[in-house]
Amino acid sequence: MFYRVDFRCDDRDPLQHLLDDLYDYARDPETRVLHRARLNLFYRLMEELIADRVVTRFGAALDIGCNAGAYSKILSDFRFRKVEGIDIDAGQVAKAEAAFAVASEDRTIEFRVADAEELDPTPRYDFILCTEVIEHTARPERVVQNLAAALLPGGMAVVTMPNAFSLPYAIARATYRLRQKPRDPVFEDHLKYPFWRALELFESHGLEPVRTAGANLWLDGRLIRLLSGTPLLAAVSRAQFGLARRWPLKYTAMFFCMVMRKP
């Protein structure tokens, strides 16, 4: 397996070093810790979905907004025979290809530049992953419609979106307004979908929620910078990782994760 769950974000760890290089966040502890939290959540969630036989088909998988390709590699390691990663950023696709592309008789991992709003709606995927993408698109309804159409009947989708109904985003929103900073469209995109709106978005396109989870209850940039380089960071990250997956706290997590099935 390429990935393993870890909360230390230790520079000396070869896996962390690889992620730092791929995602260019070695000097950005906030992005590094929060991205690792989402990777940890996805990996642990996939283990559980497979063990519980929620995910039983391992044919074709699509990673929408694949970025530098780590999630696509994780999907391949979970036995999906054909993994396709798409992203609108050609530079990220090139990174993903260099790091993870595979072509063999047993499995393939391939990457291409593509826009989720123009995704081919032909049903052909057993599994679709979409993390932190939909809120940044001009036509989120179109993206969800395409995603739902591209799933084969009985197929599964795992989607993660920023949850505006969370303490970290509440603090960030208050700071953003009080300091009257210049407009930041990317940050404002993160405030569009409290967890209930995210669920409604997918249920309106015929996808049934099977499971939900969350990542990051209270870590924000200031706290992460304060804890970085100390053993407390791993301890705090591990504790809140477990709590953020539980009811009802998962609905207050910074990142809300939905497992959806196409009937």
C-alpha atoms as a PDB file:
ATOM      1  CA  MET A   1       0.000   0.000   0.000  1.00  0.00           C
ATOM      2  CA  PHE A   2       1.221   3.479  -0.896  1.00  0.00           C
ATOM      3  CA  TYR A   3      -0.693   5.207   1.918  1.00  0.00           C
ATOM      4  CA  ARG A   4      -1.020   4.676   5.656  1.00  0.00           C
ATOM      5  CA  VAL A   5      -2.964   6.618   8.274  1.00  0.00           C
ATOM      6  CA  ASP A   6      -0.662   8.884  10.269  1.00  0.00           C
ATOM      7  CA  PHE A   7      -1.094  12.036  12.366  1.00  0.00           C
ATOM      8  CA  ARG A   8       2.479  13.225  12.904  1.00  0.00           C
ATOM      9  CA  CYS A   9       3.173  14.978   9.586  1.00  0.00           C
ATOM     10  CA  ASP A  10       6.838  14.266  10.300  1.00  0.00           C
ATOM     11  CA  ASP A  11       9.380  15.668   7.828  1.00  0.00           C
ATOM     12  CA  ARG A  12      11.502  12.541   8.286  1.00  0.00           C
ATOM     13  CA  ASP A  13       8.705  10.227   7.145  1.00  0.00           C
ATOM     14  CA  PRO A  14       9.253   9.245   3.465  1.00  0.00           C
ATOM     15  CA  LEU A  15       5.485   9.261   2.805  1.00  0.00           C
ATOM     16  CA  GLN A  16       5.112  12.760   4.226  1.00  0.00           C
ATOM     17  CA  HIS A  17       8.140  13.891   2.226  1.00  0.00           C
ATOM     18  CA  LEU A  18       6.509  12.569  -0.969  1.00  0.00           C
ATOM     19  CA  LEU A  19       3.217  14.309  -0.173  1.00  0.00           C
ATOM     20  CA  ASP A  20       5.067  17.549   0.580  1.00  0.00           C
ATOM     21  CA  ASP A  21       6.711  17.381  -2.841  1.00  0.00           C
ATOM     22  CA  LEU A  22       3.520  16.492  -4.699  1.00  0.00           C
ATOM     23  CA  TYR A  23       1.314  19.102  -3.051  1.00  0.00           C
ATOM     24  CA  ASP A  24       3.956  21.748  -2.329  1.00  0.00           C
ATOM     25  CA  TYR A  25       2.941  22.325   1.297  1.00  0.00           C
ATOM     26  CA  ALA A  26       6.149  21.572   3.224  1.00  0.00           C
ATOM     27  CA  ARG A  27       6.195  25.215   4.411  1.00  0.00           C
ATOM     28  CA  ASP A  28       2.423  25.443   4.870  1.00  0.00           C
ATOM     29  CA  PRO A  29       1.611  23.461   8.050  1.00  0.00           C
ATOM     30  CA  GLU A  30      -2.103  24.288   7.960  1.00  0.00           C
ATOM     31  CA  THR A  31      -2.687  22.888   4.468  1.00  0.00           C
ATOM     32  CA  ARG A  32      -0.415  19.949   5.196  1.00  0.00           C
ATOM     33  CA  VAL A  33      -2.228  18.885   8.387  1.00  0.00           C
ATOM     34  CA  LEU A  34      -5.725  19.402   6.986  1.00  0.00           C
ATOM     35  CA  HIS A  35      -4.938  17.546   3.766  1.00  0.00           C
ATOM     36  CA  ARG A  36      -3.507  14.658   5.764  1.00  0.00           C
ATOM     37  CA  ALA A  37      -6.703  14.594   7.839  1.00  0.00           C
ATOM     38  CA  ARG A  38      -8.781  14.196   4.667  1.00  0.00           C
ATOM     39  CA  LEU A  39      -6.478  11.493   3.311  1.00  0.00           C
ATOM     40  CA  ASN A  40      -6.678   9.666   6.638  1.00  0.00           C
ATOM     41  CA  LEU A  41     -10.467   9.865   6.579  1.00  0.00           C
ATOM     42  CA  PHE A  42     -10.734   8.545   3.029  1.00  0.00           C
ATOM     43  CA  TYR A  43      -8.333   5.668   3.643  1.00  0.00           C
ATOM     44  CA  ARG A  44     -10.042   4.570   6.863  1.00  0.00           C
ATOM     45  CA  LEU A  45     -13.477   4.983   5.284  1.00  0.00           C
ATOM     46  CA  MET A  46     -12.527   2.800   2.309  1.00  0.00           C
ATOM     47  CA  GLU A  47     -11.258   0.080   4.638  1.00  0.00           C
ATOM     48  CA  GLU A  48     -14.601   0.091   6.430  1.00  0.00           C
ATOM     49  CA  LEU A  49     -16.771   0.244   3.302  1.00  0.00           C
ATOM     50  CA  ILE A  50     -14.975  -2.761   1.839  1.00  0.00           C
ATOM     51  CA  ALA A  51     -15.005  -4.712   5.118  1.00  0.00           C
ATOM     52  CA  ASP A  52     -18.746  -4.013   5.521  1.00  0.00           C
ATOM     53  CA  ARG A  53     -19.373  -5.004   1.876  1.00  0.00           C
ATOM     54  CA  VAL A  54     -20.804  -1.608   1.032  1.00  0.00           C
ATOM     55  CA  VAL A  55     -18.225  -1.418  -1.769  1.00  0.00           C
ATOM     56  CA  THR A  56     -18.128  -4.763  -3.580  1.00  0.00           C
ATOM     57  CA  ARG A  57     -17.292  -3.913  -7.198  1.00  0.00           C
ATOM     58  CA  PHE A  58     -13.752  -3.036  -8.205  1.00  0.00           C
ATOM     59  CA  GLY A  59     -13.956  -2.371 -11.917  1.00  0.00           C
ATOM     60  CA  ALA A  60     -13.631   1.249 -13.057  1.00  0.00           C
ATOM     61  CA  ALA A  61     -13.155   4.175 -10.668  1.00  0.00           C
ATOM     62  CA  LEU A  62     -13.057   7.905 -11.415  1.00  0.00           C
ATOM     63  CA  ASP A  63     -11.264  10.524  -9.313  1.00  0.00           C
ATOM     64  CA  ILE A  64     -12.784  13.944 -10.120  1.00  0.00           C
ATOM     65  CA  GLY A  65     -10.364  16.765  -9.333  1.00  0.00           C
ATOM     66  CA  CYS A  66      -7.476  14.349  -8.891  1.00  0.00           C
ATOM     67  CA  ASN A  67      -4.865  17.076  -8.288  1.00  0.00           C
ATOM     68  CA  ALA A  68      -1.465  15.381  -7.835  1.00  0.00           C
ATOM     69  CA  GLY A  69      -2.951  11.885  -7.863  1.00  0.00           C
ATOM     70  CA  ALA A  70      -2.611  10.525  -4.305  1.00  0.00           C
ATOM     71  CA  TYR A  71      -6.289   9.566  -4.039  1.00  0.00           C
ATOM     72  CA  SER A  72      -6.160   7.803  -7.406  1.00  0.00           C
ATOM     73  CA  LYS A  73      -3.229   5.740  -6.188  1.00  0.00           C
ATOM     74  CA  ILE A  74      -5.113   4.850  -3.000  1.00  0.00           C
ATOM     75  CA  LEU A  75      -8.079   3.663  -5.093  1.00  0.00           C
ATOM     76  CA  SER A  76      -5.788   1.460  -7.158  1.00  0.00           C
ATOM     77  CA  ASP A  77      -4.261   0.009  -3.990  1.00  0.00           C
ATOM     78  CA  PHE A  78      -7.793  -0.861  -2.871  1.00  0.00           C
ATOM     79  CA  ARG A  79      -7.966  -3.188  -5.923  1.00  0.00           C
ATOM     80  CA  PHE A  80      -9.825  -1.042  -8.458  1.00  0.00           C
ATOM     81  CA  ARG A  81      -8.636  -2.391 -11.780  1.00  0.00           C
ATOM     82  CA  LYS A  82      -9.002   0.791 -13.812  1.00  0.00           C
ATOM     83  CA  VAL A  83      -8.587   4.186 -12.161  1.00  0.00           C
ATOM     84  CA  GLU A  84      -9.002   7.412 -14.092  1.00  0.00           C
ATOM     85  CA  GLY A  85      -8.078  10.784 -12.606  1.00  0.00           C
ATOM     86  CA  ILE A  86      -9.237  14.053 -14.149  1.00  0.00           C
ATOM     87  CA  ASP A  87      -8.389  17.654 -13.320  1.00  0.00           C
ATOM     88  CA  ILE A  88      -8.605  21.009 -15.082  1.00  0.00           C
ATOM     89  CA  ASP A  89      -5.019  21.883 -14.083  1.00  0.00           C
ATOM     90  CA  ALA A  90      -2.571  20.459 -16.636  1.00  0.00           C
ATOM     91  CA  GLY A  91       0.348  20.971 -14.249  1.00  0.00           C
ATOM     92  CA  GLN A  92      -1.270  18.825 -11.563  1.00  0.00           C
ATOM     93  CA  VAL A  93      -2.155  16.147 -14.106  1.00  0.00           C
ATOM     94  CA  ALA A  94       1.496  16.057 -15.209  1.00  0.00           C
ATOM     95  CA  LYS A  95       2.572  15.604 -11.578  1.00  0.00           C
ATOM     96  CA  ALA A  96       0.075  12.799 -11.090  1.00  0.00           C
ATOM     97  CA  GLU A  97       1.194  11.028 -14.248  1.00  0.00           C
ATOM     98  CA  ALA A  98       4.850  11.204 -13.270  1.00  0.00           C
ATOM     99  CA  ALA A  99       4.170   9.882  -9.768  1.00  0.00           C
ATOM    100  CA  PHE A 100       1.410   7.307 -10.190  1.00  0.00           C
ATOM    101  CA  ALA A 101       0.479   6.408 -13.802  1.00  0.00           C
ATOM    102  CA  VAL A 102       0.432   2.644 -14.382  1.00  0.00           C
ATOM    103  CA  ALA A 103      -0.459   0.560 -17.432  1.00  0.00           C
ATOM    104  CA  SER A 104      -0.417  -3.226 -17.061  1.00  0.00           C
ATOM    105  CA  GLU A 105      -2.673  -6.200 -17.693  1.00  0.00           C
ATOM    106  CA  ASP A 106      -3.776  -6.271 -14.059  1.00  0.00           C
ATOM    107  CA  ARG A 107      -4.483  -2.602 -13.467  1.00  0.00           C
ATOM    108  CA  THR A 108      -4.263   0.881 -14.924  1.00  0.00           C
ATOM    109  CA  ILE A 109      -4.014   4.352 -13.425  1.00  0.00           C
ATOM    110  CA  GLU A 110      -4.312   7.115 -15.982  1.00  0.00           C
ATOM    111  CA  PHE A 111      -4.764  10.873 -15.803  1.00  0.00           C
ATOM    112  CA  ARG A 112      -6.103  13.469 -18.199  1.00  0.00           C
ATOM    113  CA  VAL A 113      -7.087  17.114 -18.300  1.00  0.00           C
ATOM    114  CA  ALA A 114     -10.873  17.424 -18.187  1.00  0.00           C
ATOM    115  CA  ASP A 115     -13.609  19.661 -16.780  1.00  0.00           C
ATOM    116  CA  ALA A 116     -16.099  18.056 -14.380  1.00  0.00           C
ATOM    117  CA  GLU A 117     -18.814  20.302 -15.810  1.00  0.00           C
ATOM    118  CA  GLU A 118     -18.309  18.610 -19.191  1.00  0.00           C
ATOM    119  CA  LEU A 119     -17.964  15.049 -17.890  1.00  0.00           C
ATOM    120  CA  ASP A 120     -19.278  12.324 -20.190  1.00  0.00           C
ATOM    121  CA  PRO A 121     -22.521  11.197 -18.498  1.00  0.00           C
ATOM    122  CA  THR A 122     -22.401   7.678 -19.963  1.00  0.00           C
ATOM    123  CA  PRO A 123     -22.765   5.204 -17.056  1.00  0.00           C
ATOM    124  CA  ARG A 124     -19.425   3.386 -16.840  1.00  0.00           C
ATOM    125  CA  TYR A 125     -17.941   3.754 -13.364  1.00  0.00           C
ATOM    126  CA  ASP A 126     -18.425   1.482 -10.357  1.00  0.00           C
ATOM    127  CA  PHE A 127     -17.002   4.118  -8.043  1.00  0.00           C
ATOM    128  CA  ILE A 128     -16.517   7.904  -8.191  1.00  0.00           C
ATOM    129  CA  LEU A 129     -14.502  10.036  -5.805  1.00  0.00           C
ATOM    130  CA  CYS A 130     -14.834  13.816  -5.661  1.00  0.00           C
ATOM    131  CA  THR A 131     -13.020  15.715  -2.901  1.00  0.00           C
ATOM    132  CA  GLU A 132     -13.154  19.484  -2.415  1.00  0.00           C
ATOM    133  CA  VAL A 133     -14.183  20.205  -6.017  1.00  0.00           C
ATOM    134  CA  ILE A 134     -17.894  20.890  -6.386  1.00  0.00           C
ATOM    135  CA  GLU A 135     -17.940  24.097  -4.332  1.00  0.00           C
ATOM    136  CA  HIS A 136     -15.387  25.655  -6.707  1.00  0.00           C
ATOM    137  CA  THR A 137     -17.273  24.967  -9.927  1.00  0.00           C
ATOM    138  CA  ALA A 138     -19.402  27.495 -11.797  1.00  0.00           C
ATOM    139  CA  ARG A 139     -22.239  24.977 -12.193  1.00  0.00           C
ATOM    140  CA  PRO A 140     -22.262  22.620  -9.208  1.00  0.00           C
ATOM    141  CA  GLU A 141     -25.679  21.212 -10.143  1.00  0.00           C
ATOM    142  CA  ARG A 142     -24.273  20.241 -13.545  1.00  0.00           C
ATOM    143  CA  VAL A 143     -21.276  18.525 -11.945  1.00  0.00           C
ATOM    144  CA  VAL A 144     -23.483  16.488  -9.603  1.00  0.00           C
ATOM    145  CA  GLN A 145     -25.822  15.612 -12.467  1.00  0.00           C
ATOM    146  CA  ASN A 146     -22.861  14.393 -14.541  1.00  0.00           C
ATOM    147  CA  LEU A 147     -21.432  12.469 -11.601  1.00  0.00           C
ATOM    148  CA  ALA A 148     -24.730  10.719 -10.914  1.00  0.00           C
ATOM    149  CA  ALA A 149     -25.196   9.862 -14.588  1.00  0.00           C
ATOM    150  CA  ALA A 150     -21.652   8.474 -14.938  1.00  0.00           C
ATOM    151  CA  LEU A 151     -22.193   5.982 -12.109  1.00  0.00           C
ATOM    152  CA  LEU A 152     -23.365   2.523 -13.066  1.00  0.00           C
ATOM    153  CA  PRO A 153     -26.531   1.344 -11.270  1.00  0.00           C
ATOM    154  CA  GLY A 154     -25.511   0.200  -7.809  1.00  0.00           C
ATOM    155  CA  GLY A 155     -22.327   2.259  -8.059  1.00  0.00           C
ATOM    156  CA  MET A 156     -20.917   4.198  -5.130  1.00  0.00           C
ATOM    157  CA  ALA A 157     -19.655   7.766  -4.805  1.00  0.00           C
ATOM    158  CA  VAL A 158     -17.598   9.318  -2.016  1.00  0.00           C
ATOM    159  CA  VAL A 159     -17.790  13.113  -1.953  1.00  0.00           C
ATOM    160  CA  THR A 160     -16.159  15.513   0.485  1.00  0.00           C
ATOM    161  CA  MET A 161     -17.107  19.191   0.723  1.00  0.00           C
ATOM    162  CA  PRO A 162     -16.212  22.036   3.090  1.00  0.00           C
ATOM    163  CA  ASN A 163     -18.846  22.342   5.791  1.00  0.00           C
ATOM    164  CA  ALA A 164     -19.760  25.961   6.492  1.00  0.00           C
ATOM    165  CA  PHE A 165     -21.498  24.720   9.666  1.00  0.00           C
ATOM    166  CA  SER A 166     -18.214  24.133  11.524  1.00  0.00           C
ATOM    167  CA  LEU A 167     -16.145  25.910  14.145  1.00  0.00           C
ATOM    168  CA  PRO A 168     -13.024  26.437  11.973  1.00  0.00           C
ATOM    169  CA  TYR A 169     -15.079  28.049   9.211  1.00  0.00           C
ATOM    170  CA  ALA A 170     -17.098  30.098  11.709  1.00  0.00           C
ATOM    171  CA  ILE A 171     -13.855  31.527  13.122  1.00  0.00           C
ATOM    172  CA  ALA A 172     -12.400  32.076   9.646  1.00  0.00           C
ATOM    173  CA  ARG A 173     -15.601  33.784   8.454  1.00  0.00           C
ATOM    174  CA  ALA A 174     -15.665  36.128  11.458  1.00  0.00           C
ATOM    175  CA  THR A 175     -11.983  37.019  10.967  1.00  0.00           C
ATOM    176  CA  TYR A 176     -12.534  37.562   7.253  1.00  0.00           C
ATOM    177  CA  ARG A 177     -15.359  40.022   7.909  1.00  0.00           C
ATOM    178  CA  LEU A 178     -13.895  41.835  10.897  1.00  0.00           C
ATOM    179  CA  ARG A 179     -10.577  42.497   9.211  1.00  0.00           C
ATOM    180  CA  GLN A 180     -12.315  43.579   6.008  1.00  0.00           C
ATOM    181  CA  LYS A 181      -9.797  41.749   3.872  1.00  0.00           C
ATOM    182  CA  PRO A 182      -9.907  41.950   0.060  1.00  0.00           C
ATOM    183  CA  ARG A 183     -12.397  39.499  -1.411  1.00  0.00           C
ATOM    184  CA  ASP A 184     -11.158  35.922  -1.592  1.00  0.00           C
ATOM    185  CA  PRO A 185     -13.438  33.972  -3.978  1.00  0.00           C
ATOM    186  CA  VAL A 186     -11.813  30.622  -3.116  1.00  0.00           C
ATOM    187  CA  PHE A 187     -12.476  31.120   0.602  1.00  0.00           C
ATOM    188  CA  GLU A 188     -16.022  32.290  -0.104  1.00  0.00           C
ATOM    189  CA  ASP A 189     -16.612  29.091  -2.102  1.00  0.00           C
ATOM    190  CA  HIS A 190     -15.917  27.160   1.113  1.00  0.00           C
ATOM    191  CA  LEU A 191     -18.836  28.872   2.812  1.00  0.00           C
ATOM    192  CA  LYS A 192     -21.507  27.868   0.301  1.00  0.00           C
ATOM    193  CA  TYR A 193     -22.437  24.446   1.642  1.00  0.00           C
ATOM    194  CA  PRO A 194     -23.317  23.680   5.229  1.00  0.00           C
ATOM    195  CA  PHE A 195     -23.694  19.901   5.507  1.00  0.00           C
ATOM    196  CA  TRP A 196     -27.466  19.882   4.908  1.00  0.00           C
ATOM    197  CA  ARG A 197     -27.140  21.735   1.605  1.00  0.00           C
ATOM    198  CA  ALA A 198     -24.463  19.299   0.491  1.00  0.00           C
ATOM    199  CA  LEU A 199     -26.760  16.346   1.207  1.00  0.00           C
ATOM    200  CA  GLU A 200     -29.680  18.005  -0.564  1.00  0.00           C
ATOM    201  CA  LEU A 201     -27.535  18.648  -3.614  1.00  0.00           C
ATOM    202  CA  PHE A 202     -26.920  14.935  -4.130  1.00  0.00           C
ATOM    203  CA  GLU A 203     -30.279  13.592  -3.012  1.00  0.00           C
ATOM    204  CA  SER A 204     -31.953  15.856  -5.578  1.00  0.00           C
ATOM    205  CA  HIS A 205     -30.124  13.905  -8.284  1.00  0.00           C
ATOM    206  CA  GLY A 206     -31.268  10.493  -7.108  1.00  0.00           C
ATOM    207  CA  LEU A 207     -28.259   9.408  -5.051  1.00  0.00           C
ATOM    208  CA  GLU A 208     -28.988   7.764  -1.718  1.00  0.00           C
ATOM    209  CA  PRO A 209     -26.823   8.555   1.329  1.00  0.00           C
ATOM    210  CA  VAL A 210     -25.345   5.373   2.783  1.00  0.00           C
ATOM    211  CA  ARG A 211     -22.894   6.787   5.303  1.00  0.00           C
ATOM    212  CA  THR A 212     -21.524  10.153   6.409  1.00  0.00           C
ATOM    213  CA  ALA A 213     -18.401  11.188   8.267  1.00  0.00           C
ATOM    214  CA  GLY A 214     -16.346  14.272   9.025  1.00  0.00           C
ATOM    215  CA  ALA A 215     -12.772  15.443   9.428  1.00  0.00           C
ATOM    216  CA  ASN A 216     -11.344  18.204  11.631  1.00  0.00           C
ATOM    217  CA  LEU A 217     -13.485  19.564  14.430  1.00  0.00           C
ATOM    218  CA  TRP A 218     -11.417  22.438  15.757  1.00  0.00           C
ATOM    219  CA  LEU A 219      -7.914  22.681  14.275  1.00  0.00           C
ATOM    220  CA  ASP A 220      -7.340  25.997  12.526  1.00  0.00           C
ATOM    221  CA  GLY A 221      -4.260  27.732  11.182  1.00  0.00           C
ATOM    222  CA  ARG A 222      -3.251  29.384  14.457  1.00  0.00           C
ATOM    223  CA  LEU A 223      -3.604  26.216  16.518  1.00  0.00           C
ATOM    224  CA  ILE A 224      -1.772  24.114  13.925  1.00  0.00           C
ATOM    225  CA  ARG A 225       1.130  26.570  13.819  1.00  0.00           C
ATOM    226  CA  LEU A 226       1.262  26.561  17.620  1.00  0.00           C
ATOM    227  CA  LEU A 227       1.377  22.750  17.816  1.00  0.00           C
ATOM    228  CA  SER A 228       3.627  22.113  14.800  1.00  0.00           C
ATOM    229  CA  GLY A 229       6.856  20.367  15.702  1.00  0.00           C
ATOM    230  CA  THR A 230       5.492  19.129  19.055  1.00  0.00           C
ATOM    231  CA  PRO A 231       4.117  15.695  20.047  1.00  0.00           C
ATOM    232  CA  LEU A 232       0.839  17.425  20.890  1.00  0.00           C
ATOM    233  CA  LEU A 233      -0.019  17.885  17.212  1.00  0.00           C
ATOM    234  CA  ALA A 234      -0.275  14.140  16.587  1.00  0.00           C
ATOM    235  CA  ALA A 235      -2.149  13.551  19.856  1.00  0.00           C
ATOM    236  CA  VAL A 236      -4.692  16.308  19.208  1.00  0.00           C
ATOM    237  CA  SER A 237      -5.097  15.313  15.539  1.00  0.00           C
ATOM    238  CA  ARG A 238      -5.683  11.668  16.455  1.00  0.00           C
ATOM    239  CA  ALA A 239      -8.227  12.499  19.170  1.00  0.00           C
ATOM    240  CA  GLN A 240     -10.305  14.861  17.076  1.00  0.00           C
ATOM    241  CA  PHE A 241     -10.083  12.500  14.059  1.00  0.00           C
ATOM    242  CA  GLY A 242     -11.982   9.865  16.016  1.00  0.00           C
ATOM    243  CA  LEU A 243     -14.517  12.316  17.391  1.00  0.00           C
ATOM    244  CA  ALA A 244     -15.190  13.967  14.021  1.00  0.00           C
ATOM    245  CA  ARG A 245     -16.471  10.687  12.590  1.00  0.00           C
ATOM    246  CA  ARG A 246     -19.102  10.208  15.278  1.00  0.00           C
ATOM    247  CA  TRP A 247     -22.716  11.372  15.464  1.00  0.00           C
ATOM    248  CA  PRO A 248     -23.549  14.193  16.011  1.00  0.00           C
ATOM    249  CA  LEU A 249     -20.075  15.769  15.887  1.00  0.00           C
ATOM    250  CA  LYS A 250     -19.506  14.746  12.275  1.00  0.00           C
ATOM    251  CA  TYR A 251     -22.075  17.375  11.273  1.00  0.00           C
ATOM    252  CA  THR A 252     -19.877  20.080  12.807  1.00  0.00           C
ATOM    253  CA  ALA A 253     -16.623  18.927  11.166  1.00  0.00           C
ATOM    254  CA  MET A 254     -14.776  21.217   8.772  1.00  0.00           C
ATOM    255  CA  PHE A 255     -14.932  18.651   5.970  1.00  0.00           C
ATOM    256  CA  PHE A 256     -18.160  16.695   5.492  1.00  0.00           C
ATOM    257  CA  CYS A 257     -17.868  13.356   3.741  1.00  0.00           C
ATOM    258  CA  MET A 258     -20.829  11.613   2.067  1.00  0.00           C
ATOM    259  CA  VAL A 259     -21.015   8.044   0.800  1.00  0.00           C
ATOM    260  CA  MET A 260     -23.763   7.867  -1.837  1.00  0.00           C
ATOM    261  CA  ARG A 261     -25.257   4.961  -3.800  1.00  0.00           C
ATOM    262  CA  LYS A 262     -26.941   5.071  -7.177  1.00  0.00           C
ATOM    263  CA  PRO A 263     -30.063   2.869  -6.992  1.00  0.00           C
END
